[in-house]
C-alpha atoms as a PDB file:
ATOM      1  CA  MET A   1      -0.098  -0.050  -0.114  1.00  0.00           C
ATOM      2  CA  ASP A   2       1.724   3.277  -1.195  1.00  0.00           C
ATOM      3  CA  ASN A   3       1.444   6.307   1.058  1.00  0.00           C
ATOM      4  CA  LYS A   4      -1.229   8.134  -1.038  1.00  0.00           C
ATOM      5  CA  THR A   5      -3.763   5.197  -0.486  1.00  0.00           C
ATOM      6  CA  LEU A   6      -2.705   5.035   3.384  1.00  0.00           C
ATOM      7  CA  MET A   7      -3.562   8.811   3.664  1.00  0.00           C
ATOM      8  CA  LYS A   8      -6.919   8.556   1.782  1.00  0.00           C
ATOM      9  CA  ILE A   9      -7.637   5.842   4.310  1.00  0.00           C
ATOM     10  CA  LEU A  10      -6.728   7.848   7.385  1.00  0.00           C
ATOM     11  CA  LEU A  11      -8.559  10.877   6.204  1.00  0.00           C
ATOM     12  CA  ALA A  12     -11.751   8.732   5.651  1.00  0.00           C
ATOM     13  CA  ALA A  13     -11.534   7.296   9.085  1.00  0.00           C
ATOM     14  CA  VAL A  14     -11.021  10.707  10.686  1.00  0.00           C
ATOM     15  CA  ALA A  15     -14.031  12.087   8.733  1.00  0.00           C
ATOM     16  CA  PHE A  16     -16.122   9.106  10.038  1.00  0.00           C
ATOM     17  CA  ILE A  17     -15.143   9.570  13.517  1.00  0.00           C
ATOM     18  CA  ALA A  18     -15.902  13.426  13.415  1.00  0.00           C
ATOM     19  CA  GLY A  19     -19.322  12.827  11.838  1.00  0.00           C
ATOM     20  CA  PHE A  20     -20.202  10.139  14.537  1.00  0.00           C
ATOM     21  CA  VAL A  21     -19.176  12.634  17.402  1.00  0.00           C
ATOM     22  CA  LEU A  22     -20.980  15.760  15.759  1.00  0.00           C
ATOM     23  CA  GLY A  23     -24.080  13.745  15.218  1.00  0.00           C
ATOM     24  CA  SER A  24     -24.098  12.205  19.009  1.00  0.00           C
ATOM     25  CA  LEU A  25     -23.608  15.983  20.091  1.00  0.00           C
ATOM     26  CA  TRP A  26     -26.534  16.971  18.042  1.00  0.00           C
ATOM     27  CA  SER A  27     -28.751  14.310  19.399  1.00  0.00           C
ATOM     28  CA  GLU A  28     -27.926  14.972  22.653  1.00  0.00           C
ATOM     29  CA  ASN A  29     -28.459  18.764  22.364  1.00  0.00           C
ATOM     30  CA  LYS A  30     -32.162  17.985  21.021  1.00  0.00           C
ATOM     31  CA  LEU A  31     -32.877  15.805  23.943  1.00  0.00           C
ATOM     32  CA  LEU A  32     -31.813  18.301  26.434  1.00  0.00           C
ATOM     33  CA  LYS A  33     -33.927  21.081  24.623  1.00  0.00           C
ATOM     34  CA  SER A  34     -36.901  18.745  24.735  1.00  0.00           C
ATOM     35  CA  GLY A  35     -36.340  18.021  28.234  1.00  0.00           C
ATOM     36  CA  LEU A  36     -36.239  14.034  27.423  1.00  0.00           C
ATOM     37  CA  GLY A  37     -32.517  13.878  28.289  1.00  0.00           C
ATOM     38  CA  ASN A  38     -32.755  15.703  31.683  1.00  0.00           C
ATOM     39  CA  THR A  39     -33.308  13.651  34.886  1.00  0.00           C
ATOM     40  CA  THR A  40     -32.264  16.216  37.390  1.00  0.00           C
ATOM     41  CA  GLY A  41     -34.859  16.436  40.182  1.00  0.00           C
ATOM     42  CA  LYS A  42     -36.483  13.128  39.340  1.00  0.00           C
ATOM     43  CA  THR A  43     -34.911  11.302  42.271  1.00  0.00           C
ATOM     44  CA  THR A  44     -37.044  13.264  44.611  1.00  0.00           C
ATOM     45  CA  SER A  45     -40.294  12.370  43.310  1.00  0.00           C
ATOM     46  CA  THR A  46     -39.440   8.657  42.506  1.00  0.00           C
ATOM     47  CA  PRO A  47     -39.746   6.341  45.682  1.00  0.00           C
ATOM     48  CA  THR A  48     -36.583   4.345  46.394  1.00  0.00           C
ATOM     49  CA  ALA A  49     -36.722   0.671  46.959  1.00  0.00           C
ATOM     50  CA  GLY A  50     -37.140  -0.108  50.417  1.00  0.00           C
ATOM     51  CA  VAL A  51     -37.955   3.496  51.548  1.00  0.00           C
ATOM     52  CA  PRO A  52     -41.599   3.748  51.122  1.00  0.00           C
ATOM     53  CA  THR A  53     -43.186   7.480  51.200  1.00  0.00           C
ATOM     54  CA  PRO A  54     -45.313   8.001  54.329  1.00  0.00           C
ATOM     55  CA  PRO A  55     -48.653   9.016  53.733  1.00  0.00           C
ATOM     56  CA  PRO A  56     -49.849  12.582  54.418  1.00  0.00           C
ATOM     57  CA  ALA A  57     -51.071  13.399  57.902  1.00  0.00           C
ATOM     58  CA  THR A  58     -54.673  13.894  58.014  1.00  0.00           C
ATOM     59  CA  PRO A  59     -55.225  14.944  61.714  1.00  0.00           C
ATOM     60  CA  GLU A  60     -58.774  16.078  61.069  1.00  0.00           C
ATOM     61  CA  LYS A  61     -59.508  12.380  60.692  1.00  0.00           C
ATOM     62  CA  MET A  62     -58.890  11.791  64.321  1.00  0.00           C
ATOM     63  CA  PRO A  63     -61.848  10.542  66.319  1.00  0.00           C
ATOM     64  CA  ALA A  64     -63.522  13.269  68.056  1.00  0.00           C
ATOM     65  CA  VAL A  65     -62.714  13.853  71.995  1.00  0.00           C
ATOM     66  CA  THR A  66     -65.469  12.526  74.094  1.00  0.00           C
ATOM     67  CA  ALA A  67     -66.288  12.059  77.819  1.00  0.00           C
ATOM     68  CA  GLU A  68     -64.788   8.599  77.478  1.00  0.00           C
ATOM     69  CA  ASP A  69     -61.441  10.031  76.886  1.00  0.00           C
ATOM     70  CA  HIS A  70     -58.575  10.280  79.683  1.00  0.00           C
ATOM     71  CA  LEU A  71     -58.616  14.090  79.826  1.00  0.00           C
ATOM     72  CA  ARG A  72     -56.500  16.013  82.249  1.00  0.00           C
ATOM     73  CA  GLY A  73     -57.125  19.710  82.739  1.00  0.00           C
ATOM     74  CA  ASN A  74     -60.230  21.949  81.782  1.00  0.00           C
ATOM     75  CA  PRO A  75     -62.628  19.959  79.611  1.00  0.00           C
ATOM     76  CA  ASN A  76     -63.746  23.107  78.013  1.00  0.00           C
ATOM     77  CA  ALA A  77     -60.497  24.403  76.997  1.00  0.00           C
ATOM     78  CA  PRO A  78     -60.161  26.151  73.838  1.00  0.00           C
ATOM     79  CA  ILE A  79     -57.324  23.865  72.962  1.00  0.00           C
ATOM     80  CA  LYS A  80     -56.936  20.458  73.329  1.00  0.00           C
ATOM     81  CA  LEU A  81     -53.779  18.468  72.919  1.00  0.00           C
ATOM     82  CA  VAL A  82     -54.438  14.537  71.915  1.00  0.00           C
ATOM     83  CA  GLU A  83     -51.390  12.572  72.507  1.00  0.00           C
ATOM     84  CA  TYR A  84     -50.831   9.330  71.147  1.00  0.00           C
ATOM     85  CA  SER A  85     -48.508   7.594  73.113  1.00  0.00           C
ATOM     86  CA  ASP A  86     -46.669   4.329  74.055  1.00  0.00           C
ATOM     87  CA  TYR A  87     -45.509   3.556  77.679  1.00  0.00           C
ATOM     88  CA  GLU A  88     -42.329   1.781  76.435  1.00  0.00           C
ATOM     89  CA  CYS A  89     -41.438   4.545  74.038  1.00  0.00           C
ATOM     90  CA  PRO A  90     -38.178   6.297  75.324  1.00  0.00           C
ATOM     91  CA  PHE A  91     -39.254   9.451  73.381  1.00  0.00           C
ATOM     92  CA  CYS A  92     -42.918   9.443  75.066  1.00  0.00           C
ATOM     93  CA  ASN A  93     -41.004   9.334  78.445  1.00  0.00           C
ATOM     94  CA  ARG A  94     -38.956  12.364  77.582  1.00  0.00           C
ATOM     95  CA  PHE A  95     -42.181  14.189  76.374  1.00  0.00           C
ATOM     96  CA  HIS A  96     -44.419  13.332  79.430  1.00  0.00           C
ATOM     97  CA  PRO A  97     -42.593  15.890  81.551  1.00  0.00           C
ATOM     98  CA  THR A  98     -43.214  18.578  78.690  1.00  0.00           C
ATOM     99  CA  MET A  99     -46.930  17.896  78.650  1.00  0.00           C
ATOM    100  CA  GLN A 100     -47.101  18.481  82.392  1.00  0.00           C
ATOM    101  CA  GLN A 101     -45.213  21.580  82.025  1.00  0.00           C
ATOM    102  CA  VAL A 102     -47.891  22.694  79.449  1.00  0.00           C
ATOM    103  CA  LEU A 103     -50.739  22.117  81.895  1.00  0.00           C
ATOM    104  CA  GLU A 104     -49.031  24.119  84.409  1.00  0.00           C
ATOM    105  CA  GLU A 105     -48.127  27.041  82.063  1.00  0.00           C
ATOM    106  CA  TYR A 106     -51.521  27.254  80.444  1.00  0.00           C
ATOM    107  CA  GLY A 107     -54.111  26.269  83.149  1.00  0.00           C
ATOM    108  CA  ASP A 108     -57.582  26.279  81.881  1.00  0.00           C
ATOM    109  CA  GLN A 109     -56.444  27.290  78.329  1.00  0.00           C
ATOM    110  CA  VAL A 110     -55.252  23.784  77.345  1.00  0.00           C
ATOM    111  CA  ALA A 111     -56.472  20.054  78.139  1.00  0.00           C
ATOM    112  CA  TRP A 112     -54.388  17.081  77.662  1.00  0.00           C
ATOM    113  CA  VAL A 113     -55.773  14.056  76.303  1.00  0.00           C
ATOM    114  CA  TYR A 114     -54.071  10.720  76.375  1.00  0.00           C
ATOM    115  CA  ARG A 115     -54.533   7.815  73.779  1.00  0.00           C
ATOM    116  CA  HIS A 116     -52.767   4.744  73.155  1.00  0.00           C
ATOM    117  CA  PHE A 117     -50.554   3.931  70.231  1.00  0.00           C
ATOM    118  CA  PRO A 118     -48.476   0.907  71.267  1.00  0.00           C
ATOM    119  CA  LEU A 119     -45.535   0.049  68.839  1.00  0.00           C
ATOM    120  CA  ARG A 120     -45.985  -3.337  69.170  1.00  0.00           C
ATOM    121  CA  GLY A 121     -43.387  -4.345  66.645  1.00  0.00           C
ATOM    122  CA  ILE A 122     -40.567  -2.683  68.666  1.00  0.00           C
ATOM    123  CA  HIS A 123     -41.905  -2.405  72.198  1.00  0.00           C
ATOM    124  CA  PRO A 124     -43.096  -5.784  73.382  1.00  0.00           C
ATOM    125  CA  GLN A 125     -44.558  -4.499  76.873  1.00  0.00           C
ATOM    126  CA  ALA A 126     -46.397  -1.662  75.270  1.00  0.00           C
ATOM    127  CA  GLN A 127     -49.720  -3.426  74.444  1.00  0.00           C
ATOM    128  CA  ILE A 128     -49.976  -5.096  77.918  1.00  0.00           C
ATOM    129  CA  SER A 129     -48.976  -1.881  79.583  1.00  0.00           C
ATOM    130  CA  ALA A 130     -51.601  -0.047  77.681  1.00  0.00           C
ATOM    131  CA  GLU A 131     -54.388  -2.562  78.513  1.00  0.00           C
ATOM    132  CA  ALA A 132     -53.362  -2.676  82.235  1.00  0.00           C
ATOM    133  CA  SER A 133     -53.893   1.155  82.385  1.00  0.00           C
ATOM    134  CA  GLU A 134     -57.283   0.738  80.975  1.00  0.00           C
ATOM    135  CA  CYS A 135     -58.039  -2.007  83.365  1.00  0.00           C
ATOM    136  CA  VAL A 136     -57.220   0.381  86.154  1.00  0.00           C
ATOM    137  CA  ALA A 137     -59.235   2.923  84.784  1.00  0.00           C
ATOM    138  CA  LYS A 138     -62.140   0.459  84.452  1.00  0.00           C
ATOM    139  CA  LEU A 139     -61.842  -0.535  88.039  1.00  0.00           C
ATOM    140  CA  SER A 140     -61.435   2.989  89.525  1.00  0.00           C
ATOM    141  CA  ASP A 141     -61.484   6.301  87.872  1.00  0.00           C
ATOM    142  CA  ASP A 142     -59.733   8.817  85.621  1.00  0.00           C
ATOM    143  CA  ASP A 143     -57.537  10.345  88.317  1.00  0.00           C
ATOM    144  CA  THR A 144     -56.306   6.901  89.171  1.00  0.00           C
ATOM    145  CA  PHE A 145     -55.688   6.085  85.550  1.00  0.00           C
ATOM    146  CA  TRP A 146     -53.457   9.372  85.215  1.00  0.00           C
ATOM    147  CA  ALA A 147     -51.711   8.498  88.510  1.00  0.00           C
ATOM    148  CA  PHE A 148     -50.922   5.096  87.185  1.00  0.00           C
ATOM    149  CA  THR A 149     -49.660   6.575  83.773  1.00  0.00           C
ATOM    150  CA  ASP A 150     -47.311   9.136  85.568  1.00  0.00           C
ATOM    151  CA  LEU A 151     -46.013   6.103  87.744  1.00  0.00           C
ATOM    152  CA  LEU A 152     -45.419   4.022  84.502  1.00  0.00           C
ATOM    153  CA  PHE A 153     -43.261   6.775  82.953  1.00  0.00           C
ATOM    154  CA  GLU A 154     -41.615   7.258  86.219  1.00  0.00           C
ATOM    155  CA  LYS A 155     -40.598   3.449  86.442  1.00  0.00           C
ATOM    156  CA  ALA A 156     -39.840   3.119  82.676  1.00  0.00           C
ATOM    157  CA  ALA A 157     -37.388   6.066  82.615  1.00  0.00           C
ATOM    158  CA  VAL A 158     -34.646   3.498  83.846  1.00  0.00           C
ATOM    159  CA  ASP A 159     -35.317   0.429  81.996  1.00  0.00           C
ATOM    160  CA  ALA A 160     -38.664   0.148  80.195  1.00  0.00           C
ATOM    161  CA  GLY A 161     -38.305  -3.513  79.221  1.00  0.00           C
ATOM    162  CA  SER A 162     -37.992  -4.675  82.978  1.00  0.00           C
ATOM    163  CA  ALA A 163     -39.984  -1.992  84.438  1.00  0.00           C
ATOM    164  CA  LEU A 164     -43.384  -2.856  82.413  1.00  0.00           C
ATOM    165  CA  THR A 165     -43.585  -6.660  82.877  1.00  0.00           C
ATOM    166  CA  ARG A 166     -46.870  -8.071  83.872  1.00  0.00           C
ATOM    167  CA  ASP A 167     -45.897  -8.601  87.526  1.00  0.00           C
ATOM    168  CA  LYS A 168     -44.556  -5.061  87.855  1.00  0.00           C
ATOM    169  CA  LEU A 169     -47.797  -3.529  86.282  1.00  0.00           C
ATOM    170  CA  LEU A 170     -49.889  -5.619  88.829  1.00  0.00           C
ATOM    171  CA  GLY A 171     -47.538  -3.973  91.577  1.00  0.00           C
ATOM    172  CA  TYR A 172     -48.066  -0.624  90.089  1.00  0.00           C
ATOM    173  CA  ALA A 173     -51.884  -1.021  90.211  1.00  0.00           C
ATOM    174  CA  SER A 174     -51.699  -1.783  94.035  1.00  0.00           C
ATOM    175  CA  GLN A 175     -49.544   1.329  94.420  1.00  0.00           C
ATOM    176  CA  VAL A 176     -52.285   3.357  93.258  1.00  0.00           C
ATOM    177  CA  GLY A 177     -54.978   1.506  95.097  1.00  0.00           C
ATOM    178  CA  VAL A 178     -56.245  -0.894  92.641  1.00  0.00           C
ATOM    179  CA  SER A 179     -56.612  -4.546  93.399  1.00  0.00           C
ATOM    180  CA  ALA A 180     -53.854  -6.336  91.521  1.00  0.00           C
ATOM    181  CA  THR A 181     -56.125  -9.464  91.462  1.00  0.00           C
ATOM    182  CA  ALA A 182     -58.768  -7.598  89.706  1.00  0.00           C
ATOM    183  CA  VAL A 183     -56.254  -6.140  87.116  1.00  0.00           C
ATOM    184  CA  ASP A 184     -54.881  -9.492  86.258  1.00  0.00           C
ATOM    185  CA  SER A 185     -58.458 -11.019  85.728  1.00  0.00           C
ATOM    186  CA  CYS A 186     -58.930  -8.007  83.403  1.00  0.00           C
ATOM    187  CA  LEU A 187     -55.928  -8.510  81.315  1.00  0.00           C
ATOM    188  CA  LYS A 188     -56.444 -12.298  81.114  1.00  0.00           C
ATOM    189  CA  ASN A 189     -59.880 -11.778  79.898  1.00  0.00           C
ATOM    190  CA  GLY A 190     -58.682  -9.148  77.316  1.00  0.00           C
ATOM    191  CA  GLU A 191     -61.332  -6.700  78.660  1.00  0.00           C
ATOM    192  CA  THR A 192     -59.563  -3.785  77.402  1.00  0.00           C
ATOM    193  CA  THR A 193     -57.918  -5.011  74.297  1.00  0.00           C
ATOM    194  CA  GLU A 194     -60.404  -3.442  71.837  1.00  0.00           C
ATOM    195  CA  LEU A 195     -60.203  -0.066  73.426  1.00  0.00           C
ATOM    196  CA  VAL A 196     -56.551   0.168  72.979  1.00  0.00           C
ATOM    197  CA  ASN A 197     -56.799  -1.304  69.314  1.00  0.00           C
ATOM    198  CA  ASP A 198     -59.382   1.376  68.707  1.00  0.00           C
ATOM    199  CA  ASP A 199     -57.226   4.189  69.973  1.00  0.00           C
ATOM    200  CA  TYR A 200     -54.328   2.856  67.764  1.00  0.00           C
ATOM    201  CA  ASN A 201     -56.626   2.688  64.801  1.00  0.00           C
ATOM    202  CA  GLY A 202     -58.021   6.210  65.279  1.00  0.00           C
ATOM    203  CA  GLY A 203     -54.208   7.347  65.451  1.00  0.00           C
ATOM    204  CA  SER A 204     -53.451   5.654  62.124  1.00  0.00           C
ATOM    205  CA  ALA A 205     -56.381   7.194  60.463  1.00  0.00           C
ATOM    206  CA  ALA A 206     -55.305  10.625  61.627  1.00  0.00           C
ATOM    207  CA  GLY A 207     -51.661   9.923  60.175  1.00  0.00           C
ATOM    208  CA  ILE A 208     -49.786   9.059  63.303  1.00  0.00           C
ATOM    209  CA  THR A 209     -46.973   6.781  62.518  1.00  0.00           C
ATOM    210  CA  GLY A 210     -44.770   7.091  65.431  1.00  0.00           C
ATOM    211  CA  THR A 211     -44.767   8.146  69.243  1.00  0.00           C
ATOM    212  CA  PRO A 212     -45.200  10.635  70.588  1.00  0.00           C
ATOM    213  CA  GLY A 213     -47.672  12.038  68.069  1.00  0.00           C
ATOM    214  CA  THR A 214     -49.966  14.720  69.261  1.00  0.00           C
ATOM    215  CA  ILE A 215     -52.658  16.478  67.699  1.00  0.00           C
ATOM    216  CA  LEU A 216     -53.835  20.147  68.466  1.00  0.00           C
ATOM    217  CA  VAL A 217     -57.378  20.635  68.380  1.00  0.00           C
ATOM    218  CA  THR A 218     -59.037  23.981  68.627  1.00  0.00           C
ATOM    219  CA  ALA A 219     -62.681  24.801  69.572  1.00  0.00           C
ATOM    220  CA  ASP A 220     -63.133  26.231  65.908  1.00  0.00           C
ATOM    221  CA  GLY A 221     -62.072  22.897  64.667  1.00  0.00           C
ATOM    222  CA  GLU A 222     -58.583  23.543  63.598  1.00  0.00           C
ATOM    223  CA  TYR A 223     -56.062  20.738  63.788  1.00  0.00           C
ATOM    224  CA  GLU A 224     -52.358  20.596  63.811  1.00  0.00           C
ATOM    225  CA  LEU A 225     -49.936  17.656  64.175  1.00  0.00           C
ATOM    226  CA  ILE A 226     -47.177  17.782  66.312  1.00  0.00           C
ATOM    227  CA  SER A 227     -44.707  15.068  65.809  1.00  0.00           C
ATOM    228  CA  GLY A 228     -42.193  13.711  68.155  1.00  0.00           C
ATOM    229  CA  ALA A 229     -40.853  14.654  71.624  1.00  0.00           C
ATOM    230  CA  LEU A 230     -40.575  18.397  70.982  1.00  0.00           C
ATOM    231  CA  PRO A 231     -39.100  20.476  73.887  1.00  0.00           C
ATOM    232  CA  PHE A 232     -41.631  22.809  75.658  1.00  0.00           C
ATOM    233  CA  GLU A 233     -40.365  26.016  73.845  1.00  0.00           C
ATOM    234  CA  GLN A 234     -41.488  24.462  70.435  1.00  0.00           C
ATOM    235  CA  VAL A 235     -44.612  23.289  71.669  1.00  0.00           C
ATOM    236  CA  LYS A 236     -45.441  26.634  73.424  1.00  0.00           C
ATOM    237  CA  SER A 237     -44.834  28.286  70.076  1.00  0.00           C
ATOM    238  CA  VAL A 238     -47.367  26.113  68.433  1.00  0.00           C
ATOM    239  CA  ILE A 239     -50.051  26.711  71.239  1.00  0.00           C
ATOM    240  CA  ASP A 240     -49.306  30.352  71.175  1.00  0.00           C
ATOM    241  CA  SER A 241     -50.045  30.509  67.543  1.00  0.00           C
ATOM    242  CA  TYR A 242     -53.649  29.369  68.170  1.00  0.00           C
ATOM    243  CA  LEU A 243     -54.430  31.610  71.287  1.00  0.00           C
END
């Protein structure tokens, strides 16, 4: 092969490659202009495998507060804080004093409603603790329920797993003046299981997915979900925006 022929082959190859590159660049430019080639931002709207998008909160779907609820404070308060809680949850334990402080700070302006949301999958003692508290309420009154609730959070602050066993729960019932034998019978017969489950289902309908989950309700029918164990100042800020 002479030099002239070799040169023609090389020039043809260069021309082919240049044409391919220019064609690719032209196609890419057309795609970008049309938006078909741009993937920026799509990852935020496309669910990632294994990480489901949580459903939007719908606090207005929460079951209404009734005389059957455990309410602390003024039943006619303009603001009610409905807390969905779990006795074994460490964040609920942290939030309990915050709610007590809210009542002290606001007096008759705010009422505190306690509902059950036992996270059974991670807290093995949560369901029986909730049922025991309802047995205590059934066998006594609402004040005793609250005394029992305060005692459970006090004991669970050190080690919830060991503090909320069945035997310990019966002992706490005795401490607040309720027959341990009667509470044991109530638990064995599942007398309060449905009540606890109803609380849980109502919370789920309102968009509660974890604990504590607190729904602020105003007398005018406004709702706001307060998620997590927020410090007092943040809870205060939310309350003040409605007063």
